[in-house]
All heavy atoms as atom14 arrays in JSON, in Angstrom:
{
  "sequence": "YTISIVMCSQLFFALLWDSFGFLGLEVVPFTMKQLVGVLVIGSGILL",
  "atom14_mask": [
    [1, 1, 1, 1, 1, 1, 1, 1, 1, 1, 1, 1, 0, 0],
    [1, 1, 1, 1, 1, 1, 1, 0, 0, 0, 0, 0, 0, 0],
    [1, 1, 1, 1, 1, 1, 1, 1, 0, 0, 0, 0, 0, 0],
    [1, 1, 1, 1, 1, 1, 0, 0, 0, 0, 0, 0, 0, 0],
    [1, 1, 1, 1, 1, 1, 1, 1, 0, 0, 0, 0, 0, 0],
    [1, 1, 1, 1, 1, 1, 1, 0, 0, 0, 0, 0, 0, 0],
    [1, 1, 1, 1, 1, 1, 1, 1, 0, 0, 0, 0, 0, 0],
    [1, 1, 1, 1, 1, 1, 0, 0, 0, 0, 0, 0, 0, 0],
    [1, 1, 1, 1, 1, 1, 0, 0, 0, 0, 0, 0, 0, 0],
    [1, 1, 1, 1, 1, 1, 1, 1, 1, 0, 0, 0, 0, 0],
    [1, 1, 1, 1, 1, 1, 1, 1, 0, 0, 0, 0, 0, 0],
    [1, 1, 1, 1, 1, 1, 1, 1, 1, 1, 1, 0, 0, 0],
    [1, 1, 1, 1, 1, 1, 1, 1, 1, 1, 1, 0, 0, 0],
    [1, 1, 1, 1, 1, 0, 0, 0, 0, 0, 0, 0, 0, 0],
    [1, 1, 1, 1, 1, 1, 1, 1, 0, 0, 0, 0, 0, 0],
    [1, 1, 1, 1, 1, 1, 1, 1, 0, 0, 0, 0, 0, 0],
    [1, 1, 1, 1, 1, 1, 1, 1, 1, 1, 1, 1, 1, 1],
    [1, 1, 1, 1, 1, 1, 1, 1, 0, 0, 0, 0, 0, 0],
    [1, 1, 1, 1, 1, 1, 0, 0, 0, 0, 0, 0, 0, 0],
    [1, 1, 1, 1, 1, 1, 1, 1, 1, 1, 1, 0, 0, 0],
    [1, 1, 1, 1, 0, 0, 0, 0, 0, 0, 0, 0, 0, 0],
    [1, 1, 1, 1, 1, 1, 1, 1, 1, 1, 1, 0, 0, 0],
    [1, 1, 1, 1, 1, 1, 1, 1, 0, 0, 0, 0, 0, 0],
    [1, 1, 1, 1, 0, 0, 0, 0, 0, 0, 0, 0, 0, 0],
    [1, 1, 1, 1, 1, 1, 1, 1, 0, 0, 0, 0, 0, 0],
    [1, 1, 1, 1, 1, 1, 1, 1, 1, 0, 0, 0, 0, 0],
    [1, 1, 1, 1, 1, 1, 1, 0, 0, 0, 0, 0, 0, 0],
    [1, 1, 1, 1, 1, 1, 1, 0, 0, 0, 0, 0, 0, 0],
    [1, 1, 1, 1, 1, 1, 1, 0, 0, 0, 0, 0, 0, 0],
    [1, 1, 1, 1, 1, 1, 1, 1, 1, 1, 1, 0, 0, 0],
    [1, 1, 1, 1, 1, 1, 1, 0, 0, 0, 0, 0, 0, 0],
    [1, 1, 1, 1, 1, 1, 1, 1, 0, 0, 0, 0, 0, 0],
    [1, 1, 1, 1, 1, 1, 1, 1, 1, 0, 0, 0, 0, 0],
    [1, 1, 1, 1, 1, 1, 1, 1, 1, 0, 0, 0, 0, 0],
    [1, 1, 1, 1, 1, 1, 1, 1, 0, 0, 0, 0, 0, 0],
    [1, 1, 1, 1, 1, 1, 1, 0, 0, 0, 0, 0, 0, 0],
    [1, 1, 1, 1, 0, 0, 0, 0, 0, 0, 0, 0, 0, 0],
    [1, 1, 1, 1, 1, 1, 1, 0, 0, 0, 0, 0, 0, 0],
    [1, 1, 1, 1, 1, 1, 1, 1, 0, 0, 0, 0, 0, 0],
    [1, 1, 1, 1, 1, 1, 1, 0, 0, 0, 0, 0, 0, 0],
    [1, 1, 1, 1, 1, 1, 1, 1, 0, 0, 0, 0, 0, 0],
    [1, 1, 1, 1, 0, 0, 0, 0, 0, 0, 0, 0, 0, 0],
    [1, 1, 1, 1, 1, 1, 0, 0, 0, 0, 0, 0, 0, 0],
    [1, 1, 1, 1, 0, 0, 0, 0, 0, 0, 0, 0, 0, 0],
    [1, 1, 1, 1, 1, 1, 1, 1, 0, 0, 0, 0, 0, 0],
    [1, 1, 1, 1, 1, 1, 1, 1, 0, 0, 0, 0, 0, 0],
    [1, 1, 1, 1, 1, 1, 1, 1, 0, 0, 0, 0, 0, 0]
  ],
  "atom14_positions": [
    [[0.83, -1.2, 0.0], [0.0, 0.0, 0.0], [0.86, 1.25, 0.0], [0.57, 2.22, -0.7], [-0.96, 0.01, 1.18], [-1.89, -1.16, 1.17], [-2.04, -1.96, 2.28], [-2.62, -1.48, 0.03], [-2.88, -3.06, 2.27], [-3.46, -2.56, 0.01], [-3.59, -3.35, 1.12], [-4.42, -4.43, 1.1], [0.0, 0.0, 0.0], [0.0, 0.0, 0.0]],
    [[1.93, 1.23, 0.77], [2.79, 2.4, 0.83], [3.38, 2.7, -0.54], [3.3, 3.84, -1.02], [3.93, 2.2, 1.86], [3.36, 1.96, 3.14], [4.84, 3.41, 1.92], [0.0, 0.0, 0.0], [0.0, 0.0, 0.0], [0.0, 0.0, 0.0], [0.0, 0.0, 0.0], [0.0, 0.0, 0.0], [0.0, 0.0, 0.0], [0.0, 0.0, 0.0]],
    [[3.94, 1.7, -1.18], [4.57, 1.92, -2.48], [3.51, 2.31, -3.52], [3.75, 3.18, -4.36], [5.39, 0.69, -2.91], [6.6, 0.56, -1.98], [5.83, 0.79, -4.36], [7.38, -0.72, -2.12], [0.0, 0.0, 0.0], [0.0, 0.0, 0.0], [0.0, 0.0, 0.0], [0.0, 0.0, 0.0], [0.0, 0.0, 0.0], [0.0, 0.0, 0.0]],
    [[2.33, 1.72, -3.45], [1.25, 2.08, -4.39], [0.86, 3.54, -4.24], [0.69, 4.26, -5.23], [0.02, 1.2, -4.15], [0.32, -0.14, -4.38], [0.0, 0.0, 0.0], [0.0, 0.0, 0.0], [0.0, 0.0, 0.0], [0.0, 0.0, 0.0], [0.0, 0.0, 0.0], [0.0, 0.0, 0.0], [0.0, 0.0, 0.0], [0.0, 0.0, 0.0]],
    [[0.7, 3.97, -3.01], [0.32, 5.36, -2.76], [1.44, 6.31, -3.17], [1.19, 7.37, -3.77], [-0.08, 5.55, -1.28], [-1.39, 4.78, -1.01], [-0.23, 7.02, -0.93], [-1.71, 4.61, 0.45], [0.0, 0.0, 0.0], [0.0, 0.0, 0.0], [0.0, 0.0, 0.0], [0.0, 0.0, 0.0], [0.0, 0.0, 0.0], [0.0, 0.0, 0.0]],
    [[2.67, 5.93, -2.89], [3.81, 6.75, -3.3], [3.85, 6.88, -4.82], [4.06, 7.97, -5.36], [5.14, 6.17, -2.76], [6.35, 6.8, -3.43], [5.22, 6.36, -1.25], [0.0, 0.0, 0.0], [0.0, 0.0, 0.0], [0.0, 0.0, 0.0], [0.0, 0.0, 0.0], [0.0, 0.0, 0.0], [0.0, 0.0, 0.0], [0.0, 0.0, 0.0]],
    [[3.62, 5.79, -5.53], [3.63, 5.85, -7.0], [2.53, 6.77, -7.52], [2.75, 7.57, -8.43], [3.47, 4.46, -7.59], [4.71, 3.61, -7.46], [4.57, 1.92, -8.08], [3.08, 1.84, -8.98], [0.0, 0.0, 0.0], [0.0, 0.0, 0.0], [0.0, 0.0, 0.0], [0.0, 0.0, 0.0], [0.0, 0.0, 0.0], [0.0, 0.0, 0.0]],
    [[1.35, 6.66, -6.94], [0.24, 7.53, -7.36], [0.57, 8.99, -7.07], [0.33, 9.87, -7.9], [-1.04, 7.09, -6.66], [-2.52, 7.9, -7.3], [0.0, 0.0, 0.0], [0.0, 0.0, 0.0], [0.0, 0.0, 0.0], [0.0, 0.0, 0.0], [0.0, 0.0, 0.0], [0.0, 0.0, 0.0], [0.0, 0.0, 0.0], [0.0, 0.0, 0.0]],
    [[1.14, 9.24, -5.91], [1.53, 10.6, -5.55], [2.6, 11.13, -6.49], [2.55, 12.28, -6.92], [2.03, 10.61, -4.09], [2.5, 11.87, -3.73], [0.0, 0.0, 0.0], [0.0, 0.0, 0.0], [0.0, 0.0, 0.0], [0.0, 0.0, 0.0], [0.0, 0.0, 0.0], [0.0, 0.0, 0.0], [0.0, 0.0, 0.0], [0.0, 0.0, 0.0]],
    [[3.57, 10.28, -6.84], [4.61, 10.69, -7.78], [4.0, 11.08, -9.12], [4.38, 12.1, -9.7], [5.61, 9.56, -8.0], [6.59, 9.37, -6.89], [7.52, 8.21, -7.17], [7.08, 7.11, -7.48], [8.81, 8.46, -7.06], [0.0, 0.0, 0.0], [0.0, 0.0, 0.0], [0.0, 0.0, 0.0], [0.0, 0.0, 0.0], [0.0, 0.0, 0.0]],
    [[3.08, 10.28, -9.6], [2.44, 10.59, -10.88], [1.67, 11.9, -10.82], [1.76, 12.73, -11.73], [1.49, 9.46, -11.29], [2.13, 8.22, -11.85], [1.1, 7.12, -12.02], [2.81, 8.53, -13.17], [0.0, 0.0, 0.0], [0.0, 0.0, 0.0], [0.0, 0.0, 0.0], [0.0, 0.0, 0.0], [0.0, 0.0, 0.0], [0.0, 0.0, 0.0]],
    [[0.91, 12.08, -9.75], [0.11, 13.3, -9.61], [1.02, 14.53, -9.57], [0.78, 15.51, -10.29], [-0.76, 13.24, -8.35], [-1.48, 14.54, -8.09], [-2.59, 14.88, -8.82], [-1.0, 15.43, -7.13], [-3.26, 16.08, -8.61], [-1.65, 16.62, -6.9], [-2.78, 16.96, -7.63], [0.0, 0.0, 0.0], [0.0, 0.0, 0.0], [0.0, 0.0, 0.0]],
    [[2.05, 14.49, -8.73], [2.91, 15.67, -8.62], [3.78, 15.87, -9.85], [4.07, 17.01, -10.23], [3.73, 15.62, -7.33], [2.92, 16.0, -6.14], [2.41, 15.04, -5.29], [2.61, 17.34, -5.89], [1.61, 15.39, -4.2], [1.82, 17.7, -4.81], [1.33, 16.72, -3.96], [0.0, 0.0, 0.0], [0.0, 0.0, 0.0], [0.0, 0.0, 0.0]],
    [[4.19, 14.8, -10.51], [4.92, 14.95, -11.77], [4.04, 15.63, -12.81], [4.49, 16.52, -13.54], [5.41, 13.59, -12.27], [0.0, 0.0, 0.0], [0.0, 0.0, 0.0], [0.0, 0.0, 0.0], [0.0, 0.0, 0.0], [0.0, 0.0, 0.0], [0.0, 0.0, 0.0], [0.0, 0.0, 0.0], [0.0, 0.0, 0.0], [0.0, 0.0, 0.0]],
    [[2.78, 15.23, -12.85], [1.82, 15.85, -13.76], [1.66, 17.33, -13.43], [1.7, 18.2, -14.32], [0.47, 15.14, -13.66], [-0.72, 15.73, -14.41], [-0.45, 15.74, -15.91], [-1.98, 14.94, -14.1], [0.0, 0.0, 0.0], [0.0, 0.0, 0.0], [0.0, 0.0, 0.0], [0.0, 0.0, 0.0], [0.0, 0.0, 0.0], [0.0, 0.0, 0.0]],
    [[1.52, 17.63, -12.16], [1.36, 19.02, -11.72], [2.6, 19.84, -12.06], [2.51, 20.93, -12.64], [1.1, 19.04, -10.21], [0.8, 20.38, -9.57], [-0.57, 20.89, -10.02], [0.84, 20.25, -8.05], [0.0, 0.0, 0.0], [0.0, 0.0, 0.0], [0.0, 0.0, 0.0], [0.0, 0.0, 0.0], [0.0, 0.0, 0.0], [0.0, 0.0, 0.0]],
    [[3.78, 19.33, -11.71], [5.02, 20.09, -11.94], [5.33, 20.24, -13.42], [5.82, 21.28, -13.85], [6.17, 19.44, -11.18], [5.99, 19.55, -9.69], [5.36, 20.55, -9.01], [6.42, 18.64, -8.7], [5.37, 20.31, -7.65], [6.02, 19.13, -7.43], [7.1, 17.43, -8.75], [6.3, 18.48, -6.25], [7.37, 16.78, -7.55], [6.96, 17.31, -6.33]],
    [[5.06, 19.18, -14.2], [5.24, 19.31, -15.65], [4.31, 20.37, -16.22], [4.7, 21.16, -17.08], [4.94, 17.98, -16.36], [6.13, 17.05, -16.4], [7.25, 17.48, -16.08], [5.93, 15.87, -16.76], [0.0, 0.0, 0.0], [0.0, 0.0, 0.0], [0.0, 0.0, 0.0], [0.0, 0.0, 0.0], [0.0, 0.0, 0.0], [0.0, 0.0, 0.0]],
    [[3.07, 20.38, -15.75], [2.08, 21.3, -16.29], [2.42, 22.76, -16.0], [2.08, 23.65, -16.77], [0.69, 20.98, -15.72], [0.3, 19.7, -16.12], [0.0, 0.0, 0.0], [0.0, 0.0, 0.0], [0.0, 0.0, 0.0], [0.0, 0.0, 0.0], [0.0, 0.0, 0.0], [0.0, 0.0, 0.0], [0.0, 0.0, 0.0], [0.0, 0.0, 0.0]],
    [[3.08, 23.02, -14.87], [3.44, 24.39, -14.5], [4.9, 24.73, -14.82], [5.32, 25.86, -14.58], [3.17, 24.63, -13.02], [1.71, 24.72, -12.69], [1.09, 23.7, -12.0], [0.95, 25.82, -13.08], [-0.27, 23.76, -11.69], [-0.4, 25.9, -12.78], [-1.01, 24.87, -12.09], [0.0, 0.0, 0.0], [0.0, 0.0, 0.0], [0.0, 0.0, 0.0]],
    [[5.67, 23.76, -15.3], [7.08, 24.02, -15.58], [7.87, 24.28, -14.3], [8.83, 25.06, -14.29], [0.0, 0.0, 0.0], [0.0, 0.0, 0.0], [0.0, 0.0, 0.0], [0.0, 0.0, 0.0], [0.0, 0.0, 0.0], [0.0, 0.0, 0.0], [0.0, 0.0, 0.0], [0.0, 0.0, 0.0], [0.0, 0.0, 0.0], [0.0, 0.0, 0.0]],
    [[7.5, 23.63, -13.22], [8.11, 23.82, -11.9], [9.61, 23.52, -11.95], [10.04, 22.58, -12.57], [7.4, 22.91, -10.91], [7.79, 23.1, -9.48], [7.55, 24.29, -8.83], [8.4, 22.08, -8.77], [7.89, 24.47, -7.51], [8.75, 22.23, -7.45], [8.5, 23.43, -6.82], [0.0, 0.0, 0.0], [0.0, 0.0, 0.0], [0.0, 0.0, 0.0]],
    [[10.4, 24.35, -11.28], [11.85, 24.19, -11.16], [12.55, 24.11, -12.52], [13.52, 23.38, -12.69], [12.2, 22.97, -10.31], [11.78, 23.04, -8.84], [12.06, 21.73, -8.13], [12.47, 24.18, -8.12], [0.0, 0.0, 0.0], [0.0, 0.0, 0.0], [0.0, 0.0, 0.0], [0.0, 0.0, 0.0], [0.0, 0.0, 0.0], [0.0, 0.0, 0.0]],
    [[12.04, 24.83, -13.47], [12.7, 24.9, -14.77], [12.36, 23.78, -15.73], [12.99, 23.66, -16.78], [0.0, 0.0, 0.0], [0.0, 0.0, 0.0], [0.0, 0.0, 0.0], [0.0, 0.0, 0.0], [0.0, 0.0, 0.0], [0.0, 0.0, 0.0], [0.0, 0.0, 0.0], [0.0, 0.0, 0.0], [0.0, 0.0, 0.0], [0.0, 0.0, 0.0]],
    [[11.38, 22.93, -15.4], [10.98, 21.88, -16.32], [10.32, 22.48, -17.55], [9.7, 23.54, -17.48], [9.99, 20.92, -15.65], [10.51, 20.07, -14.5], [9.35, 19.32, -13.85], [11.54, 19.08, -15.01], [0.0, 0.0, 0.0], [0.0, 0.0, 0.0], [0.0, 0.0, 0.0], [0.0, 0.0, 0.0], [0.0, 0.0, 0.0], [0.0, 0.0, 0.0]],
    [[10.43, 21.78, -18.66], [9.71, 22.19, -19.85], [8.22, 21.99, -19.61], [7.81, 20.94, -19.11], [10.17, 21.34, -21.05], [9.52, 21.72, -22.34], [10.01, 20.86, -23.49], [11.17, 20.44, -23.47], [9.21, 20.63, -24.42], [0.0, 0.0, 0.0], [0.0, 0.0, 0.0], [0.0, 0.0, 0.0], [0.0, 0.0, 0.0], [0.0, 0.0, 0.0]],
    [[7.42, 22.99, -19.92], [5.98, 22.91, -19.68], [5.36, 21.87, -20.62], [5.57, 21.91, -21.83], [5.3, 24.29, -19.89], [3.79, 24.18, -19.76], [5.85, 25.29, -18.89], [0.0, 0.0, 0.0], [0.0, 0.0, 0.0], [0.0, 0.0, 0.0], [0.0, 0.0, 0.0], [0.0, 0.0, 0.0], [0.0, 0.0, 0.0], [0.0, 0.0, 0.0]],
    [[4.65, 20.93, -20.02], [3.9, 19.93, -20.77], [2.43, 20.24, -20.55], [1.97, 20.26, -19.41], [4.22, 18.5, -20.26], [3.37, 17.46, -20.98], [5.7, 18.2, -20.41], [0.0, 0.0, 0.0], [0.0, 0.0, 0.0], [0.0, 0.0, 0.0], [0.0, 0.0, 0.0], [0.0, 0.0, 0.0], [0.0, 0.0, 0.0], [0.0, 0.0, 0.0]],
    [[1.69, 20.52, -21.6], [0.29, 20.9, -21.44], [-0.52, 19.85, -20.68], [-0.41, 18.66, -20.93], [-0.23, 21.05, -22.88], [0.99, 21.22, -23.71], [2.09, 20.5, -23.0], [0.0, 0.0, 0.0], [0.0, 0.0, 0.0], [0.0, 0.0, 0.0], [0.0, 0.0, 0.0], [0.0, 0.0, 0.0], [0.0, 0.0, 0.0], [0.0, 0.0, 0.0]],
    [[-1.32, 20.32, -19.74], [-2.18, 19.45, -18.93], [-3.35, 18.99, -19.77], [-3.96, 19.77, -20.5], [-2.68, 20.24, -17.71], [-3.66, 19.48, -16.88], [-3.22, 18.57, -15.95], [-5.02, 19.66, -17.04], [-4.11, 17.86, -15.17], [-5.93, 18.95, -16.27], [-5.47, 18.05, -15.33], [0.0, 0.0, 0.0], [0.0, 0.0, 0.0], [0.0, 0.0, 0.0]],
    [[-3.66, 17.69, -19.69], [-4.83, 17.17, -20.39], [-5.69, 16.38, -19.4], [-5.19, 15.85, -18.41], [-4.43, 16.23, -21.56], [-3.79, 15.06, -21.03], [-3.5, 16.93, -22.54], [0.0, 0.0, 0.0], [0.0, 0.0, 0.0], [0.0, 0.0, 0.0], [0.0, 0.0, 0.0], [0.0, 0.0, 0.0], [0.0, 0.0, 0.0], [0.0, 0.0, 0.0]],
    [[-6.95, 16.27, -19.71], [-7.85, 15.48, -18.88], [-7.47, 14.0, -18.92], [-7.66, 13.28, -17.94], [-9.31, 15.67, -19.32], [-9.88, 17.04, -18.96], [-9.69, 17.46, -17.21], [-10.84, 16.32, -16.49], [0.0, 0.0, 0.0], [0.0, 0.0, 0.0], [0.0, 0.0, 0.0], [0.0, 0.0, 0.0], [0.0, 0.0, 0.0], [0.0, 0.0, 0.0]],
    [[-6.93, 13.56, -20.04], [-6.5, 12.17, -20.16], [-5.45, 11.84, -19.1], [-5.5, 10.78, -18.47], [-5.93, 11.93, -21.57], [-5.44, 10.53, -21.82], [-4.99, 10.35, -23.26], [-3.68, 11.08, -23.46], [-3.05, 10.82, -24.75], [0.0, 0.0, 0.0], [0.0, 0.0, 0.0], [0.0, 0.0, 0.0], [0.0, 0.0, 0.0], [0.0, 0.0, 0.0]],
    [[-4.53, 12.75, -18.85], [-3.51, 12.54, -17.83], [-4.14, 12.47, -16.44], [-3.81, 11.6, -15.63], [-2.47, 13.65, -17.87], [-1.65, 13.67, -19.14], [-0.89, 14.97, -19.29], [-1.36, 16.03, -18.93], [0.31, 14.87, -19.85], [0.0, 0.0, 0.0], [0.0, 0.0, 0.0], [0.0, 0.0, 0.0], [0.0, 0.0, 0.0], [0.0, 0.0, 0.0]],
    [[-5.05, 13.39, -16.16], [-5.72, 13.4, -14.86], [-6.53, 12.13, -14.65], [-6.48, 11.52, -13.58], [-6.63, 14.63, -14.74], [-7.4, 14.75, -13.42], [-6.43, 14.85, -12.24], [-8.33, 15.95, -13.45], [0.0, 0.0, 0.0], [0.0, 0.0, 0.0], [0.0, 0.0, 0.0], [0.0, 0.0, 0.0], [0.0, 0.0, 0.0], [0.0, 0.0, 0.0]],
    [[-7.25, 11.69, -15.68], [-8.03, 10.46, -15.57], [-7.1, 9.28, -15.3], [-7.41, 8.41, -14.49], [-8.88, 10.24, -16.84], [-9.47, 8.84, -16.89], [-9.99, 11.28, -16.93], [0.0, 0.0, 0.0], [0.0, 0.0, 0.0], [0.0, 0.0, 0.0], [0.0, 0.0, 0.0], [0.0, 0.0, 0.0], [0.0, 0.0, 0.0], [0.0, 0.0, 0.0]],
    [[-5.95, 9.24, -15.94], [-4.99, 8.16, -15.7], [-4.55, 8.1, -14.26], [-4.51, 7.02, -13.64], [0.0, 0.0, 0.0], [0.0, 0.0, 0.0], [0.0, 0.0, 0.0], [0.0, 0.0, 0.0], [0.0, 0.0, 0.0], [0.0, 0.0, 0.0], [0.0, 0.0, 0.0], [0.0, 0.0, 0.0], [0.0, 0.0, 0.0], [0.0, 0.0, 0.0]],
    [[-4.24, 9.24, -13.67], [-3.83, 9.28, -12.26], [-5.0, 8.87, -11.36], [-4.82, 8.11, -10.41], [-3.31, 10.68, -11.88], [-3.06, 10.79, -10.39], [-2.02, 10.99, -12.64], [0.0, 0.0, 0.0], [0.0, 0.0, 0.0], [0.0, 0.0, 0.0], [0.0, 0.0, 0.0], [0.0, 0.0, 0.0], [0.0, 0.0, 0.0], [0.0, 0.0, 0.0]],
    [[-6.21, 9.33, -11.68], [-7.38, 8.97, -10.88], [-7.7, 7.48, -10.97], [-8.09, 6.86, -9.98], [-8.59, 9.81, -11.28], [-8.49, 11.3, -10.95], [-9.69, 12.05, -11.53], [-8.36, 11.53, -9.46], [0.0, 0.0, 0.0], [0.0, 0.0, 0.0], [0.0, 0.0, 0.0], [0.0, 0.0, 0.0], [0.0, 0.0, 0.0], [0.0, 0.0, 0.0]],
    [[-7.5, 6.89, -12.15], [-7.74, 5.45, -12.31], [-6.74, 4.66, -11.46], [-7.11, 3.7, -10.78], [-7.64, 5.03, -13.8], [-7.53, 3.53, -13.96], [-8.84, 5.56, -14.57], [0.0, 0.0, 0.0], [0.0, 0.0, 0.0], [0.0, 0.0, 0.0], [0.0, 0.0, 0.0], [0.0, 0.0, 0.0], [0.0, 0.0, 0.0], [0.0, 0.0, 0.0]],
    [[-5.49, 5.09, -11.46], [-4.48, 4.4, -10.64], [-4.84, 4.55, -9.16], [-4.78, 3.58, -8.39], [-3.07, 4.94, -10.94], [-2.67, 4.52, -12.34], [-2.06, 4.45, -9.91], [-1.4, 5.18, -12.86], [0.0, 0.0, 0.0], [0.0, 0.0, 0.0], [0.0, 0.0, 0.0], [0.0, 0.0, 0.0], [0.0, 0.0, 0.0], [0.0, 0.0, 0.0]],
    [[-5.22, 5.75, -8.75], [-5.63, 5.97, -7.36], [-6.84, 5.12, -6.99], [-6.89, 4.54, -5.89], [0.0, 0.0, 0.0], [0.0, 0.0, 0.0], [0.0, 0.0, 0.0], [0.0, 0.0, 0.0], [0.0, 0.0, 0.0], [0.0, 0.0, 0.0], [0.0, 0.0, 0.0], [0.0, 0.0, 0.0], [0.0, 0.0, 0.0], [0.0, 0.0, 0.0]],
    [[-7.8, 5.01, -7.88], [-8.97, 4.17, -7.64], [-8.57, 2.71, -7.51], [-9.12, 1.97, -6.68], [-9.99, 4.32, -8.78], [-10.41, 5.65, -8.87], [0.0, 0.0, 0.0], [0.0, 0.0, 0.0], [0.0, 0.0, 0.0], [0.0, 0.0, 0.0], [0.0, 0.0, 0.0], [0.0, 0.0, 0.0], [0.0, 0.0, 0.0], [0.0, 0.0, 0.0]],
    [[-7.62, 2.29, -8.31], [-7.12, 0.92, -8.23], [-6.49, 0.63, -6.88], [-6.67, -0.46, -6.31], [0.0, 0.0, 0.0], [0.0, 0.0, 0.0], [0.0, 0.0, 0.0], [0.0, 0.0, 0.0], [0.0, 0.0, 0.0], [0.0, 0.0, 0.0], [0.0, 0.0, 0.0], [0.0, 0.0, 0.0], [0.0, 0.0, 0.0], [0.0, 0.0, 0.0]],
    [[-5.77, 1.59, -6.34], [-5.17, 1.42, -5.01], [-6.26, 1.27, -3.96], [-6.2, 0.4, -3.09], [-4.23, 2.6, -4.68], [-3.01, 2.58, -5.6], [-3.79, 2.57, -3.22], [-2.18, 3.84, -5.55], [0.0, 0.0, 0.0], [0.0, 0.0, 0.0], [0.0, 0.0, 0.0], [0.0, 0.0, 0.0], [0.0, 0.0, 0.0], [0.0, 0.0, 0.0]],
    [[-7.28, 2.13, -4.04], [-8.39, 2.04, -3.08], [-9.12, 0.7, -3.2], [-9.46, 0.07, -2.19], [-9.37, 3.2, -3.28], [-8.84, 4.58, -2.91], [-9.84, 5.66, -3.3], [-8.52, 4.65, -1.42], [0.0, 0.0, 0.0], [0.0, 0.0, 0.0], [0.0, 0.0, 0.0], [0.0, 0.0, 0.0], [0.0, 0.0, 0.0], [0.0, 0.0, 0.0]],
    [[-9.34, 0.25, -4.42], [-10.0, -1.04, -4.64], [-9.13, -2.17, -4.07], [-9.63, -3.08, -3.41], [-10.24, -1.25, -6.13], [-10.93, -2.55, -6.54], [-12.33, -2.59, -5.95], [-10.99, -2.66, -8.05], [0.0, 0.0, 0.0], [0.0, 0.0, 0.0], [0.0, 0.0, 0.0], [0.0, 0.0, 0.0], [0.0, 0.0, 0.0], [0.0, 0.0, 0.0]]
  ]
}
């Protein structure tokens, strides 16, 4: 559970930081497809 939650958190924050270009990252446009992917993984952990 710990590793699953950490992976989901990593994906969510990577998506967030990519979308805002945090710490000099190249901005990657945010899409709903990316958000749905993270939510599906999170739902899988809960299930």
